[in-house]
Protein backbone atom coordinates (compact mmCIF):
# COMPACT_ATOMS: atom_id res chain seq x y z
CA MET A 1 -43.27 -17.92 -27.35
CA THR A 2 -44.46 -18.92 -23.89
CA THR A 3 -41.70 -21.54 -23.51
CA THR A 4 -39.05 -19.09 -24.69
CA THR A 5 -40.26 -16.41 -22.28
CA ALA A 6 -40.24 -18.84 -19.34
CA ALA A 7 -36.71 -19.98 -20.17
CA ILE A 8 -35.50 -16.38 -20.41
CA SER A 9 -37.13 -15.50 -17.08
CA GLN A 10 -35.50 -18.48 -15.36
CA MET A 11 -32.10 -17.47 -16.71
CA ALA A 12 -32.66 -13.93 -15.51
CA GLN A 13 -33.32 -15.03 -11.93
CA PRO A 14 -30.20 -14.76 -9.72
CA THR A 15 -28.79 -18.11 -8.67
CA ALA A 16 -28.49 -18.70 -4.96
CA THR A 17 -24.86 -18.88 -3.81
CA LEU A 18 -24.03 -21.58 -1.32
CA GLN A 19 -22.19 -20.24 1.70
CA PRO A 20 -19.36 -22.46 2.94
CA GLY A 21 -20.01 -24.17 6.26
CA ARG A 22 -18.15 -23.42 9.48
CA LEU A 23 -16.04 -26.58 9.18
CA THR A 24 -15.03 -25.61 5.64
CA LEU A 25 -14.00 -22.14 6.79
CA VAL A 26 -11.95 -23.63 9.65
CA LEU A 27 -10.18 -26.05 7.29
CA ARG A 28 -9.46 -23.21 4.86
CA TYR A 29 -8.06 -21.11 7.66
CA LEU A 30 -5.85 -23.95 8.92
CA ARG A 31 -4.59 -24.54 5.39
CA ARG A 32 -3.53 -20.91 5.26
CA ASN A 33 -2.26 -20.69 8.83
CA LYS A 34 0.33 -23.47 8.54
CA SER A 35 1.93 -22.85 11.94
CA LEU A 36 -1.36 -23.36 13.76
CA ALA A 37 -2.25 -26.41 11.64
CA LEU A 38 1.12 -28.11 12.18
CA GLY A 39 1.13 -27.32 15.91
CA LEU A 40 -2.38 -28.73 16.37
CA LEU A 41 -1.45 -31.84 14.37
CA ILE A 42 1.60 -32.57 16.55
CA MET A 43 -0.43 -31.86 19.68
CA PHE A 44 -3.19 -34.22 18.51
CA LEU A 45 -0.69 -37.02 17.85
CA LEU A 46 0.92 -36.56 21.27
CA LEU A 47 -2.50 -36.51 22.90
CA ALA A 48 -3.55 -39.67 21.07
CA PHE A 49 -0.32 -41.41 22.12
CA THR A 50 -0.89 -40.45 25.76
CA VAL A 51 -4.60 -41.29 25.90
CA ILE A 52 -4.23 -44.64 24.13
CA GLY A 53 -1.17 -45.46 26.21
CA LEU A 54 -2.94 -44.69 29.48
CA ALA A 55 -5.70 -47.06 28.42
CA ILE A 56 -3.57 -50.04 27.36
CA VAL A 57 -0.23 -49.76 29.20
CA ASP A 58 0.23 -50.93 32.78
CA HIS A 59 1.21 -47.89 34.85
CA LYS A 60 3.23 -50.05 37.28
CA LEU A 61 5.78 -50.70 34.53
CA ALA A 62 6.76 -47.00 34.64
CA TYR A 63 8.37 -47.43 38.07
CA PRO A 64 11.68 -49.07 39.09
CA LEU A 65 12.18 -52.85 39.33
CA ALA A 66 9.21 -53.57 37.06
CA VAL A 67 11.09 -55.15 34.12
CA LYS A 68 14.54 -56.37 33.12
CA PRO A 69 16.90 -53.35 33.11
CA LYS A 70 19.08 -51.91 30.31
CA GLN A 71 17.21 -53.53 27.43
CA PRO A 72 17.45 -51.80 24.01
CA PRO A 73 14.32 -51.08 21.96
CA SER A 74 12.70 -54.28 20.72
CA LEU A 75 9.29 -55.78 20.00
CA GLN A 76 8.89 -56.59 23.67
CA TYR A 77 10.12 -53.16 24.81
CA PRO A 78 9.46 -50.67 21.96
CA PHE A 79 11.29 -47.85 23.78
CA GLY A 80 13.66 -50.10 25.74
CA THR A 81 14.19 -50.12 29.51
CA ASP A 82 16.45 -48.07 31.76
CA PHE A 83 19.04 -48.86 34.42
CA PHE A 84 16.39 -48.99 37.16
CA GLY A 85 14.16 -51.51 35.41
CA ARG A 86 11.48 -49.16 34.08
CA ASN A 87 9.67 -49.86 30.83
CA LEU A 88 10.33 -46.62 28.96
CA LEU A 89 7.13 -46.92 26.93
CA ALA A 90 5.07 -46.91 30.14
CA ALA A 91 7.33 -44.22 31.60
CA MET A 92 6.86 -42.04 28.51
CA VAL A 93 3.08 -42.41 28.59
CA LEU A 94 2.83 -41.56 32.28
CA GLY A 95 5.57 -38.92 32.11
CA MET A 96 3.94 -37.06 29.23
CA TRP A 97 0.64 -37.06 31.10
CA GLN A 98 2.29 -35.70 34.25
CA THR A 99 4.24 -33.06 32.32
CA ALA A 100 1.09 -31.95 30.52
CA LEU A 101 -0.80 -31.85 33.82
CA ILE A 102 1.79 -29.52 35.34
CA GLY A 103 1.62 -27.28 32.27
CA VAL A 104 -2.18 -27.09 32.20
CA ILE A 105 -2.55 -26.46 35.95
CA ALA A 106 0.16 -23.80 36.10
CA GLY A 107 -0.94 -22.24 32.81
CA ALA A 108 -4.61 -22.09 33.81
CA LEU A 109 -3.92 -20.62 37.26
CA GLY A 110 -1.38 -18.12 35.93
CA THR A 111 -3.75 -16.99 33.18
CA LEU A 112 -6.72 -16.75 35.57
CA VAL A 113 -4.79 -14.62 38.07
CA GLY A 114 -3.41 -12.49 35.23
CA VAL A 115 -6.87 -11.89 33.75
CA VAL A 116 -8.36 -10.88 37.12
CA LEU A 117 -5.48 -8.55 38.03
CA GLY A 118 -5.28 -7.13 34.50
CA PHE A 119 -8.99 -6.27 34.49
CA MET A 120 -8.86 -4.76 37.97
CA SER A 121 -5.77 -2.71 37.15
CA ALA A 122 -6.94 -1.32 33.80
CA TYR A 123 -10.66 -0.89 34.43
CA PHE A 124 -10.63 0.66 37.89
CA GLY A 125 -7.27 2.45 37.63
CA GLY A 126 -5.99 4.74 40.37
CA LEU A 127 -3.82 3.41 43.18
CA LEU A 128 -4.86 -0.16 42.39
CA ASP A 129 -3.48 0.19 38.87
CA MET A 130 -0.28 1.77 40.14
CA GLY A 131 0.24 -1.02 42.67
CA ILE A 132 -0.37 -3.94 40.31
CA LYS A 133 1.61 -2.36 37.48
CA GLY A 134 4.48 -1.50 39.84
CA ILE A 135 4.73 -5.04 41.23
CA CYS A 136 4.76 -6.51 37.71
CA GLN A 137 7.42 -4.06 36.54
CA ILE A 138 9.61 -4.87 39.55
CA LEU A 139 9.31 -8.66 39.29
CA THR A 140 9.34 -9.06 35.49
CA PRO A 141 13.10 -8.31 34.97
CA ILE A 142 14.06 -10.93 37.59
CA PRO A 143 14.85 -14.29 35.90
CA ALA A 144 11.98 -16.53 36.91
CA PHE A 145 14.01 -19.74 36.71
CA LEU A 146 16.41 -18.52 39.43
CA ILE A 147 13.54 -17.97 41.86
CA GLN A 148 11.96 -21.28 40.88
CA ILE A 149 15.23 -23.13 41.47
CA ILE A 150 15.66 -21.48 44.89
CA ILE A 151 12.08 -22.31 45.94
CA ALA A 152 12.17 -25.87 44.57
CA GLY A 153 15.60 -26.47 46.11
CA SER A 154 14.35 -25.43 49.56
CA ILE A 155 11.64 -28.12 49.53
CA ASP A 156 12.42 -31.62 50.76
CA ARG A 157 12.43 -33.83 47.67
CA ARG A 158 10.36 -36.42 49.49
CA ASP A 159 7.59 -33.83 49.70
CA VAL A 160 7.79 -32.79 46.04
CA THR A 161 4.80 -33.90 43.97
CA ILE A 162 3.33 -33.03 40.59
CA TYR A 163 1.10 -30.43 42.25
CA THR A 164 4.02 -28.97 44.21
CA MET A 165 5.91 -28.39 40.97
CA ALA A 166 2.85 -26.77 39.42
CA PHE A 167 2.62 -24.44 42.45
CA VAL A 168 6.31 -23.49 42.19
CA VAL A 169 5.91 -22.72 38.49
CA VAL A 170 2.71 -20.68 38.88
CA LEU A 171 4.19 -18.37 41.53
CA LEU A 172 5.68 -16.19 38.78
CA ALA A 173 3.42 -17.16 35.88
CA TRP A 174 0.82 -14.41 36.34
CA MET A 175 2.86 -11.30 35.53
CA GLY A 176 2.92 -11.74 31.75
CA PRO A 177 -0.85 -12.24 31.35
CA THR A 178 -1.50 -9.36 33.77
CA LEU A 179 0.41 -6.85 31.65
CA VAL A 180 -1.04 -8.16 28.36
CA ILE A 181 -4.66 -8.10 29.56
CA ARG A 182 -4.15 -4.72 31.23
CA SER A 183 -2.96 -3.13 27.98
CA GLN A 184 -5.88 -4.60 26.03
CA VAL A 185 -8.49 -3.52 28.58
CA LEU A 186 -7.05 0.00 28.62
CA THR A 187 -7.72 0.14 24.87
CA MET A 188 -11.12 -1.54 24.88
CA LYS A 189 -12.66 0.44 27.72
CA GLU A 190 -12.35 3.58 25.57
CA ARG A 191 -14.30 2.04 22.68
CA GLN A 192 -17.66 3.44 21.66
CA TYR A 193 -19.66 0.34 22.59
CA VAL A 194 -18.39 0.57 26.19
CA ALA A 195 -19.45 4.24 26.36
CA VAL A 196 -22.89 3.31 25.03
CA ALA A 197 -23.18 0.54 27.64
CA LYS A 198 -22.34 3.01 30.41
CA LEU A 199 -24.90 5.51 29.14
CA SER A 200 -27.54 2.79 29.07
CA GLY A 201 -27.00 2.20 32.79
CA MET A 202 -25.06 -1.06 32.61
CA GLY A 203 -22.93 -1.73 35.71
CA ASP A 204 -19.20 -2.41 35.84
CA LEU A 205 -19.58 -6.20 36.05
CA GLY A 206 -22.01 -6.19 33.13
CA ILE A 207 -19.59 -4.18 31.01
CA ILE A 208 -16.64 -6.39 31.98
CA PHE A 209 -18.36 -9.74 31.38
CA GLY A 210 -20.77 -8.69 28.64
CA GLU A 211 -18.80 -6.22 26.54
CA ILE A 212 -15.04 -6.42 27.15
CA LEU A 213 -14.37 -10.04 28.11
CA PRO A 214 -15.88 -11.65 24.95
CA ASN A 215 -13.63 -9.47 22.79
CA LEU A 216 -10.60 -10.51 24.83
CA LEU A 217 -11.04 -14.27 24.42
CA PRO A 218 -8.43 -14.57 21.59
CA PHE A 219 -5.87 -12.76 23.77
CA ILE A 220 -6.72 -14.94 26.78
CA VAL A 221 -6.34 -18.14 24.76
CA ALA A 222 -2.99 -16.96 23.39
CA ALA A 223 -1.85 -16.03 26.91
CA PHE A 224 -2.92 -19.47 28.19
CA VAL A 225 -0.90 -21.27 25.49
CA THR A 226 2.12 -19.11 26.31
CA GLN A 227 1.80 -19.91 30.01
CA VAL A 228 1.47 -23.65 29.33
CA PHE A 229 4.64 -23.48 27.21
CA GLY A 230 6.51 -21.72 30.01
CA ALA A 231 5.20 -24.11 32.66
CA VAL A 232 6.15 -27.23 30.68
CA PHE A 233 9.61 -25.82 30.04
CA ALA A 234 10.01 -24.88 33.71
CA SER A 235 8.99 -28.35 34.90
CA PHE A 236 11.44 -29.79 32.36
CA TYR A 237 14.53 -27.90 33.54
CA LEU A 238 13.63 -28.22 37.23
CA ALA A 239 13.40 -32.01 36.82
CA ILE A 240 16.66 -32.14 34.84
CA LEU A 241 18.37 -30.33 37.72
CA GLY A 242 17.10 -33.03 40.07
CA LEU A 243 14.43 -30.88 41.73
CA GLY A 244 11.40 -32.87 40.57
CA PRO A 245 9.49 -35.69 42.28
CA VAL A 246 11.94 -38.45 43.13
CA ARG A 247 9.95 -41.44 41.95
CA GLU A 248 7.66 -40.07 39.24
CA PRO A 249 8.67 -40.68 35.60
CA LEU A 250 8.55 -37.06 34.45
CA LEU A 251 10.35 -36.53 31.16
CA GLY A 252 12.91 -34.33 32.88
CA ASN A 253 13.39 -36.95 35.61
CA LEU A 254 14.15 -39.62 33.00
CA ILE A 255 16.84 -37.42 31.43
CA TRP A 256 18.25 -36.48 34.85
CA ALA A 257 18.51 -40.16 35.83
CA ALA A 258 20.12 -40.99 32.47
CA GLN A 259 22.73 -38.29 33.02
CA GLY A 260 23.44 -39.57 36.52
CA GLN A 261 24.04 -43.11 35.27
CA GLY A 262 26.13 -42.09 32.24
CA ALA A 263 23.65 -43.49 29.73
CA PHE A 264 25.48 -42.31 26.61
CA PHE A 265 28.86 -43.40 27.96
CA ASN A 266 27.51 -46.90 28.66
CA GLY A 267 25.74 -47.21 25.30
CA TRP A 268 22.18 -46.82 26.60
CA TRP A 269 21.44 -44.09 24.05
CA TRP A 270 17.69 -44.74 23.94
CA TRP A 271 17.22 -43.81 27.58
CA PRO A 272 17.84 -40.02 27.26
CA VAL A 273 17.06 -39.68 23.52
CA ILE A 274 13.42 -40.81 23.68
CA PRO A 275 12.22 -38.46 26.48
CA ALA A 276 14.27 -35.60 25.03
CA SER A 277 12.61 -36.10 21.63
CA ALA A 278 9.18 -36.12 23.26
CA MET A 279 9.93 -32.89 25.09
CA VAL A 280 11.09 -31.25 21.85
CA LEU A 281 7.83 -32.27 20.16
CA ILE A 282 5.74 -30.93 23.07
CA LEU A 283 7.51 -27.56 23.13
CA ALA A 284 7.50 -27.31 19.33
CA SER A 285 3.74 -27.95 19.14
CA LEU A 286 3.02 -25.30 21.79
CA ALA A 287 5.34 -22.80 20.08
CA LEU A 288 3.71 -23.37 16.68
CA VAL A 289 0.21 -23.02 18.14
CA ASN A 290 1.28 -19.83 19.90
CA VAL A 291 2.64 -18.39 16.65
CA GLY A 292 -0.55 -19.38 14.83
CA LEU A 293 -2.77 -17.83 17.48
CA ASP A 294 -0.85 -14.58 17.21
CA GLU A 295 -2.60 -13.94 13.90
CA VAL A 296 -5.98 -14.48 15.56
CA SER A 297 -5.29 -12.20 18.52
CA ASN A 298 -3.24 -9.52 16.77
CA PRO A 299 -5.45 -7.27 14.59
CA ARG A 300 -2.40 -5.81 12.82
CA ILE A 301 -1.59 -9.11 11.10
CA ARG A 302 -5.06 -10.67 11.10
CA ARG A 303 -6.35 -11.74 7.72
CA THR A 304 -9.83 -12.75 6.71
CA GLU A 305 -10.87 -15.69 4.57
């Protein structure tokens, strides 16, 4: 009887359920959010290609007169060489790094300025809000690429650098994040937890950094990815138009030089195809990540595991 009672009591005790770990939840979420998973995978492969290439490839081969020109892809030159004697493998490695650098710098600065102006406009309101909102509404309808072309075209090409291009791109990259953050702060500052924080005597900076900003991180990350996408695309078309750094192997510069030398007409197909394919992969990865992050930042379509 004692053994039977003990067995029954053990069966009656509730079994402890094992909660899945954080890594398991992330993997489950990525399996469900296929856009984000695919975008991150492409981005990881591009990052691995660039990092490994920077470590093992001689950067000098990315510049003119470094190797024998007009060589098709082979074991010696996996991506071939161009008319100017550049090893396209080295040029791709360095060019992808430079293109990514422009995107990250311009995206980070544009997002930072947008977050600051958006918070100031929505939280403090009044004339400040009217001024910031009015400037954004006036400048937003103007095609940004026209202004960027005019500014980049007025700079001596000998003075154009990677950082100059990032500066040209970021001049108009802050308006989108400003309007997005402003609309979110206008909603969040009316929430109950903000009212409780005010009643408890918390100051404006404490409310902004302690209550509102943590809840805005998904929107800020999504805005940053969007700005990086726009900056990379802007650097691409500015370089294709011949407005990039003269000597640097930016992806757009490689395509611009290939067009100038009639690469397809002369049978040097690999010269424009390889950098164009890399640019498509970069923009596709950023677009997929942006679509995937929309579920995280948009409560209307957000789903839980």
